[in-house]
Amino acid sequence: LQQLWVHESHRRCGIGSKLLCSFEEQTRLLGCESVFLETFTFQMPPLYLSHGYRVAYENKAFPHAISKLHMYKNLGPH
């Protein structure tokens, strides 16, 4: 997943979840069994965690206690 962004005025309306689910369905149709993404701790890790993503690696090499999370989700065979 390269980028997922929802305009501030439309956040907390379920749009991010719908986009993420749509992305996952499209990847399943293409035969993918897992997906990977990166996000910073000040962005939306809770969204991804709530959809079953797991943290594979946490890069803590950023200032102000910011980390970059490398996350994945196994989709299983379609």
PDB file of N, CA and C in Angstrom:
ATOM      1  N   LEU A   1       0.860  -1.167   0.000  1.00  0.00           N
ATOM      2  CA  LEU A   1       0.000   0.000   0.000  1.00  0.00           C
ATOM      3  C   LEU A   1       0.902   1.223   0.000  1.00  0.00           C
ATOM      4  N   GLN A   2       0.809   2.015  -1.042  1.00  0.00           N
ATOM      5  CA  GLN A   2       1.708   3.153  -1.192  1.00  0.00           C
ATOM      6  C   GLN A   2       1.267   4.350  -0.351  1.00  0.00           C
ATOM      7  N   GLN A   3      -0.015   4.723  -0.457  1.00  0.00           N
ATOM      8  CA  GLN A   3      -0.460   5.893   0.300  1.00  0.00           C
ATOM      9  C   GLN A   3      -1.969   5.834   0.499  1.00  0.00           C
ATOM     10  N   LEU A   4      -2.403   6.153   1.698  1.00  0.00           N
ATOM     11  CA  LEU A   4      -3.820   6.261   2.026  1.00  0.00           C
ATOM     12  C   LEU A   4      -3.983   7.551   2.807  1.00  0.00           C
ATOM     13  N   TRP A   5      -4.798   8.433   2.301  1.00  0.00           N
ATOM     14  CA  TRP A   5      -4.960   9.729   2.944  1.00  0.00           C
ATOM     15  C   TRP A   5      -6.401  10.179   2.771  1.00  0.00           C
ATOM     16  N   VAL A   6      -7.002  10.687   3.829  1.00  0.00           N
ATOM     17  CA  VAL A   6      -8.363  11.212   3.810  1.00  0.00           C
ATOM     18  C   VAL A   6      -8.298  12.667   4.274  1.00  0.00           C
ATOM     19  N   HIS A   7      -8.937  13.543   3.536  1.00  0.00           N
ATOM     20  CA  HIS A   7      -8.948  14.963   3.890  1.00  0.00           C
ATOM     21  C   HIS A   7      -9.461  15.123   5.317  1.00  0.00           C
ATOM     22  N   GLU A   8      -8.853  16.043   6.022  1.00  0.00           N
ATOM     23  CA  GLU A   8      -9.165  16.253   7.437  1.00  0.00           C
ATOM     24  C   GLU A   8     -10.658  16.439   7.702  1.00  0.00           C
ATOM     25  N   SER A   9     -11.352  17.126   6.818  1.00  0.00           N
ATOM     26  CA  SER A   9     -12.782  17.390   7.030  1.00  0.00           C
ATOM     27  C   SER A   9     -13.649  16.137   6.863  1.00  0.00           C
ATOM     28  N   HIS A  10     -13.076  15.060   6.332  1.00  0.00           N
ATOM     29  CA  HIS A  10     -13.838  13.821   6.107  1.00  0.00           C
ATOM     30  C   HIS A  10     -13.354  12.662   6.965  1.00  0.00           C
ATOM     31  N   ARG A  11     -12.465  12.931   7.893  1.00  0.00           N
ATOM     32  CA  ARG A  11     -11.951  11.867   8.747  1.00  0.00           C
ATOM     33  C   ARG A  11     -12.989  11.463   9.789  1.00  0.00           C
ATOM     34  N   ARG A  12     -12.816  10.257  10.313  1.00  0.00           N
ATOM     35  CA  ARG A  12     -13.702   9.683  11.330  1.00  0.00           C
ATOM     36  C   ARG A  12     -15.108   9.420  10.792  1.00  0.00           C
ATOM     37  N   CYS A  13     -15.201   9.198   9.477  1.00  0.00           N
ATOM     38  CA  CYS A  13     -16.480   8.883   8.835  1.00  0.00           C
ATOM     39  C   CYS A  13     -16.474   7.478   8.228  1.00  0.00           C
ATOM     40  N   GLY A  14     -15.397   6.733   8.432  1.00  0.00           N
ATOM     41  CA  GLY A  14     -15.307   5.386   7.877  1.00  0.00           C
ATOM     42  C   GLY A  14     -14.706   5.319   6.482  1.00  0.00           C
ATOM     43  N   ILE A  15     -14.312   6.455   5.937  1.00  0.00           N
ATOM     44  CA  ILE A  15     -13.763   6.476   4.575  1.00  0.00           C
ATOM     45  C   ILE A  15     -12.442   5.717   4.503  1.00  0.00           C
ATOM     46  N   GLY A  16     -11.563   5.922   5.481  1.00  0.00           N
ATOM     47  CA  GLY A  16     -10.283   5.212   5.483  1.00  0.00           C
ATOM     48  C   GLY A  16     -10.480   3.712   5.541  1.00  0.00           C
ATOM     49  N   SER A  17     -11.400   3.250   6.369  1.00  0.00           N
ATOM     50  CA  SER A  17     -11.692   1.819   6.463  1.00  0.00           C
ATOM     51  C   SER A  17     -12.225   1.280   5.144  1.00  0.00           C
ATOM     52  N   LYS A  18     -13.113   2.018   4.511  1.00  0.00           N
ATOM     53  CA  LYS A  18     -13.673   1.580   3.226  1.00  0.00           C
ATOM     54  C   LYS A  18     -12.588   1.518   2.158  1.00  0.00           C
ATOM     55  N   LEU A  19     -11.715   2.516   2.125  1.00  0.00           N
ATOM     56  CA  LEU A  19     -10.621   2.501   1.153  1.00  0.00           C
ATOM     57  C   LEU A  19      -9.685   1.326   1.399  1.00  0.00           C
ATOM     58  N   LEU A  20      -9.362   1.076   2.655  1.00  0.00           N
ATOM     59  CA  LEU A  20      -8.473  -0.026   3.001  1.00  0.00           C
ATOM     60  C   LEU A  20      -9.095  -1.373   2.626  1.00  0.00           C
ATOM     61  N   CYS A  21     -10.366  -1.566   2.926  1.00  0.00           N
ATOM     62  CA  CYS A  21     -11.044  -2.813   2.568  1.00  0.00           C
ATOM     63  C   CYS A  21     -11.115  -2.994   1.052  1.00  0.00           C
ATOM     64  N   SER A  22     -11.363  -1.919   0.344  1.00  0.00           N
ATOM     65  CA  SER A  22     -11.399  -1.979  -1.120  1.00  0.00           C
ATOM     66  C   SER A  22     -10.026  -2.358  -1.677  1.00  0.00           C
ATOM     67  N   PHE A  23      -8.985  -1.746  -1.137  1.00  0.00           N
ATOM     68  CA  PHE A  23      -7.614  -2.076  -1.546  1.00  0.00           C
ATOM     69  C   PHE A  23      -7.340  -3.569  -1.325  1.00  0.00           C
ATOM     70  N   GLU A  24      -7.703  -4.072  -0.147  1.00  0.00           N
ATOM     71  CA  GLU A  24      -7.448  -5.480   0.165  1.00  0.00           C
ATOM     72  C   GLU A  24      -8.207  -6.399  -0.782  1.00  0.00           C
ATOM     73  N   GLU A  25      -9.445  -6.068  -1.093  1.00  0.00           N
ATOM     74  CA  GLU A  25     -10.232  -6.888  -2.016  1.00  0.00           C
ATOM     75  C   GLU A  25      -9.604  -6.900  -3.406  1.00  0.00           C
ATOM     76  N   GLN A  26      -9.140  -5.746  -3.860  1.00  0.00           N
ATOM     77  CA  GLN A  26      -8.495  -5.683  -5.176  1.00  0.00           C
ATOM     78  C   GLN A  26      -7.214  -6.508  -5.209  1.00  0.00           C
ATOM     79  N   THR A  27      -6.456  -6.470  -4.130  1.00  0.00           N
ATOM     80  CA  THR A  27      -5.219  -7.253  -4.109  1.00  0.00           C
ATOM     81  C   THR A  27      -5.525  -8.749  -4.090  1.00  0.00           C
ATOM     82  N   ARG A  28      -6.595  -9.146  -3.399  1.00  0.00           N
ATOM     83  CA  ARG A  28      -7.001 -10.556  -3.415  1.00  0.00           C
ATOM     84  C   ARG A  28      -7.361 -10.990  -4.833  1.00  0.00           C
ATOM     85  N   LEU A  29      -8.091 -10.139  -5.553  1.00  0.00           N
ATOM     86  CA  LEU A  29      -8.478 -10.458  -6.929  1.00  0.00           C
ATOM     87  C   LEU A  29      -7.261 -10.613  -7.833  1.00  0.00           C
ATOM     88  N   LEU A  30      -6.184  -9.931  -7.492  1.00  0.00           N
ATOM     89  CA  LEU A  30      -4.939 -10.038  -8.263  1.00  0.00           C
ATOM     90  C   LEU A  30      -4.093 -11.227  -7.820  1.00  0.00           C
ATOM     91  N   GLY A  31      -4.555 -11.958  -6.809  1.00  0.00           N
ATOM     92  CA  GLY A  31      -3.843 -13.141  -6.352  1.00  0.00           C
ATOM     93  C   GLY A  31      -2.849 -12.904  -5.231  1.00  0.00           C
ATOM     94  N   CYS A  32      -2.846 -11.703  -4.681  1.00  0.00           N
ATOM     95  CA  CYS A  32      -1.921 -11.420  -3.583  1.00  0.00           C
ATOM     96  C   CYS A  32      -2.415 -12.070  -2.297  1.00  0.00           C
ATOM     97  N   GLU A  33      -1.491 -12.579  -1.509  1.00  0.00           N
ATOM     98  CA  GLU A  33      -1.846 -13.225  -0.252  1.00  0.00           C
ATOM     99  C   GLU A  33      -1.392 -12.438   0.965  1.00  0.00           C
ATOM    100  N   SER A  34      -0.631 -11.371   0.742  1.00  0.00           N
ATOM    101  CA  SER A  34      -0.206 -10.520   1.845  1.00  0.00           C
ATOM    102  C   SER A  34       0.053  -9.109   1.333  1.00  0.00           C
ATOM    103  N   VAL A  35      -0.057  -8.143   2.242  1.00  0.00           N
ATOM    104  CA  VAL A  35       0.204  -6.748   1.891  1.00  0.00           C
ATOM    105  C   VAL A  35       1.103  -6.131   2.955  1.00  0.00           C
ATOM    106  N   PHE A  36       1.829  -5.111   2.552  1.00  0.00           N
ATOM    107  CA  PHE A  36       2.792  -4.431   3.420  1.00  0.00           C
ATOM    108  C   PHE A  36       2.583  -2.929   3.325  1.00  0.00           C
ATOM    109  N   LEU A  37       2.865  -2.229   4.414  1.00  0.00           N
ATOM    110  CA  LEU A  37       2.783  -0.772   4.393  1.00  0.00           C
ATOM    111  C   LEU A  37       3.716  -0.200   5.446  1.00  0.00           C
ATOM    112  N   GLU A  38       3.962   1.078   5.331  1.00  0.00           N
ATOM    113  CA  GLU A  38       4.748   1.817   6.318  1.00  0.00           C
ATOM    114  C   GLU A  38       3.924   3.012   6.762  1.00  0.00           C
ATOM    115  N   THR A  39       3.970   3.319   8.044  1.00  0.00           N
ATOM    116  CA  THR A  39       3.273   4.483   8.579  1.00  0.00           C
ATOM    117  C   THR A  39       4.062   5.002   9.770  1.00  0.00           C
ATOM    118  N   PHE A  40       3.929   6.273  10.041  1.00  0.00           N
ATOM    119  CA  PHE A  40       4.567   6.851  11.216  1.00  0.00           C
ATOM    120  C   PHE A  40       3.603   6.797  12.398  1.00  0.00           C
ATOM    121  N   THR A  41       4.137   6.813  13.592  1.00  0.00           N
ATOM    122  CA  THR A  41       3.307   6.726  14.790  1.00  0.00           C
ATOM    123  C   THR A  41       2.370   7.919  14.949  1.00  0.00           C
ATOM    124  N   PHE A  42       2.664   9.050  14.325  1.00  0.00           N
ATOM    125  CA  PHE A  42       1.770  10.206  14.429  1.00  0.00           C
ATOM    126  C   PHE A  42       0.675  10.158  13.370  1.00  0.00           C
ATOM    127  N   GLN A  43       0.701   9.157  12.516  1.00  0.00           N
ATOM    128  CA  GLN A  43      -0.338   9.020  11.490  1.00  0.00           C
ATOM    129  C   GLN A  43      -1.447   8.114  12.027  1.00  0.00           C
ATOM    130  N   MET A  44      -1.811   7.040  11.355  1.00  0.00           N
ATOM    131  CA  MET A  44      -2.977   6.257  11.773  1.00  0.00           C
ATOM    132  C   MET A  44      -2.705   4.777  12.027  1.00  0.00           C
ATOM    133  N   PRO A  45      -1.704   4.422  12.822  1.00  0.00           N
ATOM    134  CA  PRO A  45      -1.517   2.995  13.117  1.00  0.00           C
ATOM    135  C   PRO A  45      -2.765   2.314  13.681  1.00  0.00           C
ATOM    136  N   PRO A  46      -3.579   2.989  14.511  1.00  0.00           N
ATOM    137  CA  PRO A  46      -4.768   2.304  15.032  1.00  0.00           C
ATOM    138  C   PRO A  46      -5.732   1.818  13.936  1.00  0.00           C
ATOM    139  N   LEU A  47      -5.819   2.555  12.836  1.00  0.00           N
ATOM    140  CA  LEU A  47      -6.673   2.125  11.727  1.00  0.00           C
ATOM    141  C   LEU A  47      -6.193   0.779  11.201  1.00  0.00           C
ATOM    142  N   TYR A  48      -4.915   0.682  10.928  1.00  0.00           N
ATOM    143  CA  TYR A  48      -4.370  -0.552  10.370  1.00  0.00           C
ATOM    144  C   TYR A  48      -4.441  -1.694  11.376  1.00  0.00           C
ATOM    145  N   LEU A  49      -4.134  -1.424  12.631  1.00  0.00           N
ATOM    146  CA  LEU A  49      -4.213  -2.461  13.663  1.00  0.00           C
ATOM    147  C   LEU A  49      -5.640  -2.985  13.793  1.00  0.00           C
ATOM    148  N   SER A  50      -6.617  -2.111  13.696  1.00  0.00           N
ATOM    149  CA  SER A  50      -8.013  -2.535  13.818  1.00  0.00           C
ATOM    150  C   SER A  50      -8.465  -3.392  12.639  1.00  0.00           C
ATOM    151  N   HIS A  51      -7.708  -3.351  11.547  1.00  0.00           N
ATOM    152  CA  HIS A  51      -8.023  -4.161  10.364  1.00  0.00           C
ATOM    153  C   HIS A  51      -7.123  -5.392  10.256  1.00  0.00           C
ATOM    154  N   GLY A  52      -6.437  -5.720  11.331  1.00  0.00           N
ATOM    155  CA  GLY A  52      -5.667  -6.958  11.362  1.00  0.00           C
ATOM    156  C   GLY A  52      -4.218  -6.854  10.936  1.00  0.00           C
ATOM    157  N   TYR A  53      -3.724  -5.644  10.731  1.00  0.00           N
ATOM    158  CA  TYR A  53      -2.309  -5.485  10.378  1.00  0.00           C
ATOM    159  C   TYR A  53      -1.455  -5.665  11.627  1.00  0.00           C
ATOM    160  N   ARG A  54      -0.250  -6.148  11.425  1.00  0.00           N
ATOM    161  CA  ARG A  54       0.683  -6.358  12.527  1.00  0.00           C
ATOM    162  C   ARG A  54       1.972  -5.597  12.252  1.00  0.00           C
ATOM    163  N   VAL A  55       2.616  -5.183  13.316  1.00  0.00           N
ATOM    164  CA  VAL A  55       3.897  -4.482  13.189  1.00  0.00           C
ATOM    165  C   VAL A  55       4.997  -5.523  13.024  1.00  0.00           C
ATOM    166  N   ALA A  56       5.705  -5.439  11.902  1.00  0.00           N
ATOM    167  CA  ALA A  56       6.831  -6.339  11.657  1.00  0.00           C
ATOM    168  C   ALA A  56       8.120  -5.744  12.191  1.00  0.00           C
ATOM    169  N   TYR A  57       8.206  -4.419  12.127  1.00  0.00           N
ATOM    170  CA  TYR A  57       9.433  -3.741  12.535  1.00  0.00           C
ATOM    171  C   TYR A  57       9.091  -2.306  12.910  1.00  0.00           C
ATOM    172  N   GLU A  58       9.721  -1.819  13.962  1.00  0.00           N
ATOM    173  CA  GLU A  58       9.554  -0.429  14.375  1.00  0.00           C
ATOM    174  C   GLU A  58      10.906   0.263  14.319  1.00  0.00           C
ATOM    175  N   ASN A  59      10.999   1.284  13.474  1.00  0.00           N
ATOM    176  CA  ASN A  59      12.231   2.059  13.322  1.00  0.00           C
ATOM    177  C   ASN A  59      12.115   3.300  14.209  1.00  0.00           C
ATOM    178  N   LYS A  60      12.897   3.325  15.283  1.00  0.00           N
ATOM    179  CA  LYS A  60      12.821   4.418  16.256  1.00  0.00           C
ATOM    180  C   LYS A  60      13.873   5.501  16.011  1.00  0.00           C
ATOM    181  N   ALA A  61      14.429   5.558  14.819  1.00  0.00           N
ATOM    182  CA  ALA A  61      15.525   6.479  14.520  1.00  0.00           C
ATOM    183  C   ALA A  61      15.042   7.863  14.077  1.00  0.00           C
ATOM    184  N   PHE A  62      13.962   8.340  14.656  1.00  0.00           N
ATOM    185  CA  PHE A  62      13.419   9.643  14.292  1.00  0.00           C
ATOM    186  C   PHE A  62      13.330  10.511  15.546  1.00  0.00           C
ATOM    187  N   PRO A  63      13.418  11.821  15.388  1.00  0.00           N
ATOM    188  CA  PRO A  63      13.349  12.709  16.558  1.00  0.00           C
ATOM    189  C   PRO A  63      11.940  12.772  17.151  1.00  0.00           C
ATOM    190  N   HIS A  64      11.852  13.337  18.334  1.00  0.00           N
ATOM    191  CA  HIS A  64      10.582  13.617  19.012  1.00  0.00           C
ATOM    192  C   HIS A  64       9.773  12.354  19.300  1.00  0.00           C
ATOM    193  N   ALA A  65      10.459  11.248  19.550  1.00  0.00           N
ATOM    194  CA  ALA A  65       9.813   9.964  19.889  1.00  0.00           C
ATOM    195  C   ALA A  65       8.899   9.440  18.782  1.00  0.00           C
ATOM    196  N   ILE A  66       9.179   9.831  17.557  1.00  0.00           N
ATOM    197  CA  ILE A  66       8.420   9.341  16.402  1.00  0.00           C
ATOM    198  C   ILE A  66       9.073   8.059  15.914  1.00  0.00           C
ATOM    199  N   SER A  67       8.247   7.096  15.567  1.00  0.00           N
ATOM    200  CA  SER A  67       8.729   5.842  14.986  1.00  0.00           C
ATOM    201  C   SER A  67       8.058   5.617  13.641  1.00  0.00           C
ATOM    202  N   LYS A  68       8.741   4.888  12.770  1.00  0.00           N
ATOM    203  CA  LYS A  68       8.146   4.429  11.526  1.00  0.00           C
ATOM    204  C   LYS A  68       7.813   2.959  11.712  1.00  0.00           C
ATOM    205  N   LEU A  69       6.566   2.609  11.467  1.00  0.00           N
ATOM    206  CA  LEU A  69       6.123   1.238  11.619  1.00  0.00           C
ATOM    207  C   LEU A  69       6.040   0.561  10.257  1.00  0.00           C
ATOM    208  N   HIS A  70       6.641  -0.598  10.154  1.00  0.00           N
ATOM    209  CA  HIS A  70       6.557  -1.435   8.961  1.00  0.00           C
ATOM    210  C   HIS A  70       5.545  -2.519   9.305  1.00  0.00           C
ATOM    211  N   MET A  71       4.415  -2.509   8.605  1.00  0.00           N
ATOM    212  CA  MET A  71       3.299  -3.369   8.961  1.00  0.00           C
ATOM    213  C   MET A  71       2.952  -4.307   7.811  1.00  0.00           C
ATOM    214  N   TYR A  72       2.289  -5.411   8.153  1.00  0.00           N
ATOM    215  CA  TYR A  72       1.875  -6.380   7.154  1.00  0.00           C
ATOM    216  C   TYR A  72       0.544  -7.013   7.553  1.00  0.00           C
ATOM    217  N   LYS A  73      -0.099  -7.624   6.582  1.00  0.00           N
ATOM    218  CA  LYS A  73      -1.303  -8.402   6.833  1.00  0.00           C
ATOM    219  C   LYS A  73      -1.337  -9.564   5.865  1.00  0.00           C
ATOM    220  N   ASN A  74      -1.535 -10.742   6.390  1.00  0.00           N
ATOM    221  CA  ASN A  74      -1.729 -11.910   5.532  1.00  0.00           C
ATOM    222  C   ASN A  74      -3.195 -11.969   5.138  1.00  0.00           C
ATOM    223  N   LEU A  75      -3.440 -11.959   3.844  1.00  0.00           N
ATOM    224  CA  LEU A  75      -4.814 -11.989   3.340  1.00  0.00           C
ATOM    225  C   LEU A  75      -5.309 -13.413   3.130  1.00  0.00           C
ATOM    226  N   GLY A  76      -4.380 -14.327   2.972  1.00  0.00           N
ATOM    227  CA  GLY A  76      -4.746 -15.711   2.678  1.00  0.00           C
ATOM    228  C   GLY A  76      -5.117 -15.862   1.216  1.00  0.00           C
ATOM    229  N   PRO A  77      -5.230 -17.092   0.755  1.00  0.00           N
ATOM    230  CA  PRO A  77      -5.594 -17.312  -0.644  1.00  0.00           C
ATOM    231  C   PRO A  77      -7.019 -16.844  -0.929  1.00  0.00           C
ATOM    232  N   HIS A  78      -7.243 -16.346  -2.128  1.00  0.00           N
ATOM    233  CA  HIS A  78      -8.588 -15.841  -2.480  1.00  0.00           C
ATOM    234  C   HIS A  78      -9.490 -16.957  -2.942  1.00  0.00           C
TER     235      HIS A  78
END
